[in-house]
C-alpha atoms as a PDB file:
ATOM      1  CA  MET A   1      -0.028   0.000  -0.002  1.00  0.00           C
ATOM      2  CA  SER A   2       2.902   2.254  -0.413  1.00  0.00           C
ATOM      3  CA  ASN A   3       1.466   4.489  -3.163  1.00  0.00           C
ATOM      4  CA  VAL A   4      -1.831   5.223  -1.418  1.00  0.00           C
ATOM      5  CA  THR A   5      -1.548   7.624   1.470  1.00  0.00           C
ATOM      6  CA  VAL A   6      -3.967   8.760   4.134  1.00  0.00           C
ATOM      7  CA  GLU A   7      -4.435  11.957   2.191  1.00  0.00           C
ATOM      8  CA  ASP A   8      -5.181   9.957  -1.013  1.00  0.00           C
ATOM      9  CA  ILE A   9      -7.785   7.966   0.855  1.00  0.00           C
ATOM     10  CA  LYS A  10      -9.377  11.159   2.206  1.00  0.00           C
ATOM     11  CA  ALA A  11      -9.454  12.705  -1.178  1.00  0.00           C
ATOM     12  CA  LYS A  12     -10.935   9.561  -2.812  1.00  0.00           C
ATOM     13  CA  LYS A  13     -13.637   9.274  -0.253  1.00  0.00           C
ATOM     14  CA  LYS A  14     -14.400  13.044  -0.772  1.00  0.00           C
ATOM     15  CA  ALA A  15     -14.591  12.637  -4.544  1.00  0.00           C
ATOM     16  CA  LEU A  16     -17.020   9.690  -4.281  1.00  0.00           C
ATOM     17  CA  GLY A  17     -19.246  11.822  -1.968  1.00  0.00           C
ATOM     18  CA  TYR A  18     -18.289  10.478   1.500  1.00  0.00           C
ATOM     19  CA  SER A  19     -16.704  12.079   4.542  1.00  0.00           C
ATOM     20  CA  GLU A  20     -12.994  12.059   4.850  1.00  0.00           C
ATOM     21  CA  ASP A  21     -13.196  10.052   8.064  1.00  0.00           C
ATOM     22  CA  ILE A  22     -10.449   7.324   8.010  1.00  0.00           C
ATOM     23  CA  SER A  23     -11.086   5.914  11.402  1.00  0.00           C
ATOM     24  CA  ARG A  24     -12.810   2.690   9.931  1.00  0.00           C
ATOM     25  CA  ILE A  25     -10.574   1.894   7.052  1.00  0.00           C
ATOM     26  CA  ALA A  26      -9.326  -1.554   6.013  1.00  0.00           C
ATOM     27  CA  TYR A  27      -6.926  -2.827   3.354  1.00  0.00           C
ATOM     28  CA  VAL A  28      -8.364  -6.031   1.879  1.00  0.00           C
ATOM     29  CA  GLU A  29      -7.517  -8.619  -0.686  1.00  0.00           C
ATOM     30  CA  ALA A  30     -10.289 -10.890  -1.998  1.00  0.00           C
ATOM     31  CA  SER A  31      -9.659 -14.511  -0.777  1.00  0.00           C
ATOM     32  CA  THR A  32     -10.597 -17.507  -2.941  1.00  0.00           C
ATOM     33  CA  LYS A  33      -9.617 -21.104  -2.098  1.00  0.00           C
ATOM     34  CA  MET A  34      -8.273 -21.757  -5.539  1.00  0.00           C
ATOM     35  CA  ASN A  35      -5.964 -18.674  -5.647  1.00  0.00           C
ATOM     36  CA  GLU A  36      -4.728 -19.320  -2.187  1.00  0.00           C
ATOM     37  CA  LEU A  37      -3.786 -22.964  -2.883  1.00  0.00           C
ATOM     38  CA  VAL A  38      -2.468 -22.438  -6.376  1.00  0.00           C
ATOM     39  CA  LEU A  39      -1.005 -18.981  -6.440  1.00  0.00           C
ATOM     40  CA  GLY A  40      -0.149 -18.480  -2.781  1.00  0.00           C
ATOM     41  CA  ALA A  41       1.340 -14.984  -2.093  1.00  0.00           C
ATOM     42  CA  TYR A  42       1.245 -14.189  -5.885  1.00  0.00           C
ATOM     43  CA  GLY A  43      -2.650 -14.592  -5.763  1.00  0.00           C
ATOM     44  CA  ALA A  44      -2.911 -10.837  -4.755  1.00  0.00           C
ATOM     45  CA  LEU A  45      -1.830  -9.990  -8.299  1.00  0.00           C
ATOM     46  CA  PHE A  46      -4.810 -11.777  -9.766  1.00  0.00           C
ATOM     47  CA  LYS A  47      -7.501 -10.942  -7.115  1.00  0.00           C
ATOM     48  CA  GLY A  48      -9.493  -7.819  -6.172  1.00  0.00           C
ATOM     49  CA  LEU A  49      -7.668  -5.418  -3.850  1.00  0.00           C
ATOM     50  CA  HIS A  50      -9.677  -2.816  -2.192  1.00  0.00           C
ATOM     51  CA  ILE A  51      -9.513  -0.191   0.656  1.00  0.00           C
ATOM     52  CA  LEU A  52     -12.713  -0.487   2.522  1.00  0.00           C
ATOM     53  CA  SER A  53     -14.378   2.245   4.478  1.00  0.00           C
ATOM     54  CA  PHE A  54     -17.010   1.037   6.814  1.00  0.00           C
ATOM     55  CA  GLU A  55     -19.627   3.789   6.690  1.00  0.00           C
ATOM     56  CA  ASP A  56     -22.613   4.113   9.066  1.00  0.00           C
ATOM     57  CA  ASN A  57     -24.932   2.840   6.318  1.00  0.00           C
ATOM     58  CA  GLY A  58     -22.782   0.249   4.510  1.00  0.00           C
ATOM     59  CA  ILE A  59     -19.303  -0.504   3.146  1.00  0.00           C
ATOM     60  CA  LEU A  60     -17.452   1.564   0.498  1.00  0.00           C
ATOM     61  CA  PHE A  61     -15.124  -0.507  -1.575  1.00  0.00           C
ATOM     62  CA  MET A  62     -12.434   1.607  -3.258  1.00  0.00           C
ATOM     63  CA  GLY A  63     -10.437  -0.409  -5.769  1.00  0.00           C
ATOM     64  CA  ILE A  64      -6.675  -0.444  -6.146  1.00  0.00           C
ATOM     65  CA  ASN A  65      -4.435  -2.481  -8.438  1.00  0.00           C
ATOM     66  CA  ALA A  66      -1.404  -4.652  -7.630  1.00  0.00           C
ATOM     67  CA  LEU A  67       0.917  -1.659  -7.739  1.00  0.00           C
ATOM     68  CA  ASN A  68      -1.444  -0.003  -5.193  1.00  0.00           C
ATOM     69  CA  ASN A  69      -2.649   2.725  -7.323  1.00  0.00           C
ATOM     70  CA  TRP A  70      -6.359   3.571  -7.665  1.00  0.00           C
ATOM     71  CA  ASN A  71      -8.434   1.884 -10.218  1.00  0.00           C
ATOM     72  CA  GLU A  72     -12.043   2.236 -11.086  1.00  0.00           C
ATOM     73  CA  SER A  73     -13.514  -0.781  -9.325  1.00  0.00           C
ATOM     74  CA  ASP A  74     -15.260   1.285  -6.671  1.00  0.00           C
ATOM     75  CA  PHE A  75     -18.708   0.353  -5.257  1.00  0.00           C
ATOM     76  CA  PHE A  76     -20.869   0.803  -2.261  1.00  0.00           C
ATOM     77  CA  LEU A  77     -22.566  -2.212  -0.415  1.00  0.00           C
ATOM     78  CA  PRO A  78     -25.462  -0.901   1.579  1.00  0.00           C
ATOM     79  CA  ALA A  79     -25.897  -2.430   5.053  1.00  0.00           C
ATOM     80  CA  SER A  80     -29.507  -3.167   4.089  1.00  0.00           C
ATOM     81  CA  GLU A  81     -28.218  -5.630   1.449  1.00  0.00           C
ATOM     82  CA  ILE A  82     -26.044  -7.577   3.852  1.00  0.00           C
ATOM     83  CA  GLN A  83     -27.461 -10.771   5.161  1.00  0.00           C
ATOM     84  CA  SER A  84     -24.569 -11.719   7.416  1.00  0.00           C
ATOM     85  CA  ILE A  85     -20.945 -10.482   8.136  1.00  0.00           C
ATOM     86  CA  SER A  86     -18.188 -11.994  10.154  1.00  0.00           C
ATOM     87  CA  PHE A  87     -14.958 -10.191  11.123  1.00  0.00           C
ATOM     88  CA  ARG A  88     -12.447 -12.217  13.157  1.00  0.00           C
ATOM     89  CA  LYS A  89      -8.727 -12.834  13.612  1.00  0.00           C
ATOM     90  CA  LYS A  90      -7.233 -15.515  11.375  1.00  0.00           C
ATOM     91  CA  TYR A  91      -3.754 -16.729  10.881  1.00  0.00           C
ATOM     92  CA  ILE A  92      -3.941 -19.158   7.998  1.00  0.00           C
ATOM     93  CA  PHE A  93      -5.449 -18.454   4.572  1.00  0.00           C
ATOM     94  CA  GLY A  94      -4.862 -21.292   2.292  1.00  0.00           C
ATOM     95  CA  LEU A  95      -1.071 -21.926   2.269  1.00  0.00           C
ATOM     96  CA  ARG A  96      -0.275 -18.430   3.612  1.00  0.00           C
ATOM     97  CA  LEU A  97       0.421 -17.584   7.260  1.00  0.00           C
ATOM     98  CA  PHE A  98      -0.395 -14.191   8.664  1.00  0.00           C
ATOM     99  CA  PHE A  99       0.110 -12.403  11.974  1.00  0.00           C
ATOM    100  CA  ASN A 100      -1.440  -9.265  10.815  1.00  0.00           C
ATOM    101  CA  ALA A 101      -4.880 -10.180   9.399  1.00  0.00           C
ATOM    102  CA  HIS A 102      -8.500 -10.696  10.093  1.00  0.00           C
ATOM    103  CA  GLU A 103     -10.911 -12.583   7.891  1.00  0.00           C
ATOM    104  CA  LEU A 104     -13.952 -10.599   6.562  1.00  0.00           C
ATOM    105  CA  VAL A 105     -16.747 -12.720   5.384  1.00  0.00           C
ATOM    106  CA  ILE A 106     -19.793 -11.027   3.720  1.00  0.00           C
ATOM    107  CA  THR A 107     -23.159 -12.723   2.525  1.00  0.00           C
ATOM    108  CA  LYS A 108     -25.403 -10.516   0.568  1.00  0.00           C
ATOM    109  CA  LYS A 109     -29.139 -11.086   0.892  1.00  0.00           C
ATOM    110  CA  GLY A 110     -30.456 -13.624  -1.604  1.00  0.00           C
ATOM    111  CA  GLU A 111     -27.090 -15.192  -2.179  1.00  0.00           C
ATOM    112  CA  THR A 112     -25.850 -18.565  -0.812  1.00  0.00           C
ATOM    113  CA  SER A 113     -22.178 -18.036  -1.362  1.00  0.00           C
ATOM    114  CA  SER A 114     -20.065 -15.498   0.705  1.00  0.00           C
ATOM    115  CA  ALA A 115     -17.360 -13.086  -0.330  1.00  0.00           C
ATOM    116  CA  ARG A 116     -14.228 -13.667   1.728  1.00  0.00           C
ATOM    117  CA  TYR A 117     -11.442 -11.060   2.271  1.00  0.00           C
ATOM    118  CA  ILE A 118      -8.095 -11.047   3.934  1.00  0.00           C
ATOM    119  CA  CYS A 119      -8.126  -7.786   6.060  1.00  0.00           C
ATOM    120  CA  TYR A 120      -4.700  -6.601   6.820  1.00  0.00           C
ATOM    121  CA  THR A 121      -4.562  -5.177  10.313  1.00  0.00           C
ATOM    122  CA  THR A 122      -1.045  -3.784  10.188  1.00  0.00           C
ATOM    123  CA  MET A 123       1.222  -2.734   7.343  1.00  0.00           C
ATOM    124  CA  LEU A 124       4.572  -1.015   7.254  1.00  0.00           C
ATOM    125  CA  GLY A 125       3.995   2.666   7.569  1.00  0.00           C
ATOM    126  CA  LYS A 126       0.218   2.372   7.960  1.00  0.00           C
ATOM    127  CA  SER A 127      -0.413   2.392  11.777  1.00  0.00           C
ATOM    128  CA  PHE A 128      -3.996   3.747  11.175  1.00  0.00           C
ATOM    129  CA  LEU A 129      -5.042   0.260  10.104  1.00  0.00           C
ATOM    130  CA  SER A 130      -4.651  -1.325  13.465  1.00  0.00           C
ATOM    131  CA  ASP A 131      -6.438   1.644  15.102  1.00  0.00           C
ATOM    132  CA  SER A 132      -9.319   1.009  12.820  1.00  0.00           C
ATOM    133  CA  ILE A 133     -10.147  -2.493  13.991  1.00  0.00           C
ATOM    134  CA  PRO A 134     -12.337  -1.552  17.030  1.00  0.00           C
ATOM    135  CA  ASN A 135     -14.050   1.001  15.081  1.00  0.00           C
ATOM    136  CA  ILE A 136     -14.850  -1.418  12.283  1.00  0.00           C
ATOM    137  CA  GLU A 137     -16.219  -3.937  14.762  1.00  0.00           C
ATOM    138  CA  LYS A 138     -18.473  -1.254  16.406  1.00  0.00           C
ATOM    139  CA  THR A 139     -19.762  -0.021  12.950  1.00  0.00           C
ATOM    140  CA  ILE A 140     -20.594  -3.566  11.883  1.00  0.00           C
ATOM    141  CA  LEU A 141     -22.623  -4.152  15.019  1.00  0.00           C
ATOM    142  CA  SER A 142     -24.441  -0.882  14.410  1.00  0.00           C
ATOM    143  CA  TYR A 143     -25.816  -1.933  11.053  1.00  0.00           C
ATOM    144  CA  PRO A 144     -29.530  -2.479  10.989  1.00  0.00           C
ATOM    145  CA  LYS A 145     -30.720  -6.048  11.352  1.00  0.00           C
ATOM    146  CA  LEU A 146     -27.043  -7.141  12.027  1.00  0.00           C
ATOM    147  CA  ALA A 147     -26.844  -6.223  15.729  1.00  0.00           C
ATOM    148  CA  GLU A 148     -27.720  -9.854  16.520  1.00  0.00           C
ATOM    149  CA  VAL A 149     -24.970 -11.222  14.199  1.00  0.00           C
ATOM    150  CA  GLN A 150     -21.736 -12.180  15.994  1.00  0.00           C
ATOM    151  CA  THR A 151     -18.780 -10.380  14.588  1.00  0.00           C
ATOM    152  CA  ASN A 152     -16.319 -12.332  16.678  1.00  0.00           C
ATOM    153  CA  GLN A 153     -16.651 -16.128  17.200  1.00  0.00           C
ATOM    154  CA  ASN A 154     -14.424 -16.142  20.284  1.00  0.00           C
ATOM    155  CA  SER A 155     -14.967 -15.794  24.013  1.00  0.00           C
ATOM    156  CA  GLY A 156     -15.771 -12.153  23.444  1.00  0.00           C
ATOM    157  CA  SER A 157     -19.160 -13.063  21.999  1.00  0.00           C
ATOM    158  CA  PHE A 158     -19.793 -15.547  24.939  1.00  0.00           C
ATOM    159  CA  GLU A 159     -19.032 -12.665  27.435  1.00  0.00           C
ATOM    160  CA  SER A 160     -21.093 -10.238  25.466  1.00  0.00           C
ATOM    161  CA  ASN A 161     -24.169 -12.466  25.455  1.00  0.00           C
ATOM    162  CA  LEU A 162     -23.669 -12.982  29.157  1.00  0.00           C
ATOM    163  CA  ASP A 163     -23.602  -9.249  29.677  1.00  0.00           C
ATOM    164  CA  LYS A 164     -26.898  -8.895  27.721  1.00  0.00           C
ATOM    165  CA  LEU A 165     -28.434 -11.582  29.775  1.00  0.00           C
ATOM    166  CA  SER A 166     -27.574  -9.777  32.939  1.00  0.00           C
ATOM    167  CA  LYS A 167     -28.945  -6.495  31.567  1.00  0.00           C
ATOM    168  CA  LEU A 168     -32.165  -8.353  30.617  1.00  0.00           C
ATOM    169  CA  LYS A 169     -32.440  -9.796  34.157  1.00  0.00           C
ATOM    170  CA  LYS A 170     -32.198  -6.266  35.587  1.00  0.00           C
ATOM    171  CA  LEU A 171     -34.989  -5.118  33.237  1.00  0.00           C
ATOM    172  CA  LEU A 172     -37.123  -8.057  34.341  1.00  0.00           C
ATOM    173  CA  ASP A 173     -36.588  -7.268  37.907  1.00  0.00           C
ATOM    174  CA  SER A 174     -37.505  -3.645  37.404  1.00  0.00           C
ATOM    175  CA  ASP A 175     -40.665  -4.778  35.638  1.00  0.00           C
ATOM    176  CA  ALA A 176     -39.555  -3.045  32.453  1.00  0.00           C
ATOM    177  CA  ILE A 177     -40.128  -6.294  30.447  1.00  0.00           C
ATOM    178  CA  THR A 178     -42.345  -9.181  31.103  1.00  0.00           C
ATOM    179  CA  GLN A 179     -41.292 -12.703  31.979  1.00  0.00           C
ATOM    180  CA  GLU A 180     -42.327 -13.962  28.551  1.00  0.00           C
ATOM    181  CA  GLU A 181     -40.095 -11.293  26.822  1.00  0.00           C
ATOM    182  CA  PHE A 182     -37.158 -12.201  29.177  1.00  0.00           C
ATOM    183  CA  ASP A 183     -37.582 -15.945  28.529  1.00  0.00           C
ATOM    184  CA  GLU A 184     -37.689 -15.483  24.774  1.00  0.00           C
ATOM    185  CA  LYS A 185     -34.666 -13.212  24.640  1.00  0.00           C
ATOM    186  CA  LYS A 186     -32.851 -15.455  27.130  1.00  0.00           C
ATOM    187  CA  LYS A 187     -33.408 -18.505  24.966  1.00  0.00           C
ATOM    188  CA  GLU A 188     -32.087 -16.696  21.883  1.00  0.00           C
ATOM    189  CA  LEU A 189     -28.951 -15.465  23.687  1.00  0.00           C
ATOM    190  CA  LEU A 190     -28.119 -18.874  25.194  1.00  0.00           C
ATOM    191  CA  LYS A 191     -28.517 -20.466  21.693  1.00  0.00           C
ATOM    192  CA  ASN A 192     -25.735 -18.116  20.383  1.00  0.00           C
ATOM    193  CA  ILE A 193     -23.300 -18.911  23.211  1.00  0.00           C
END
């Protein structure tokens, strides 16, 4: 990502009609099983590279080429078109080992297959990428109808559901919700632990 700077990203977002906020930016490469197994590290030359900006209402994909210059493969995926999304730390993609990546998996509504991306969390000279991770996770959770989707499939989601259950119990005890509402939500939360 040597050719694309923070200022370039801000300018590109502004040109596309978005705010210059770069607090939720990710550098991603499309991940396909065949390319990972056959091409290994050279797969990036033949796959889609994008800088993603997680906006309040969806994800802005800004295309870059293998030389890390802008190309014209930009598009916007509205949150309302996302059926499910997963964002978690991952170390192995095919035959490649990473210490600086998350896996981003997006399934659009009405589709059975998912798009998978290697999301780099650190890169030389790009410290803002690692700062973006917590902001990206919060933004994903704020998407309408995705608040119930787990973005992390580790102990964090277990603790999160227990926290929610504790809050629900307090609501029940204060008569803010009924026993039926509590039982229904409790069953749903426990199913996801």
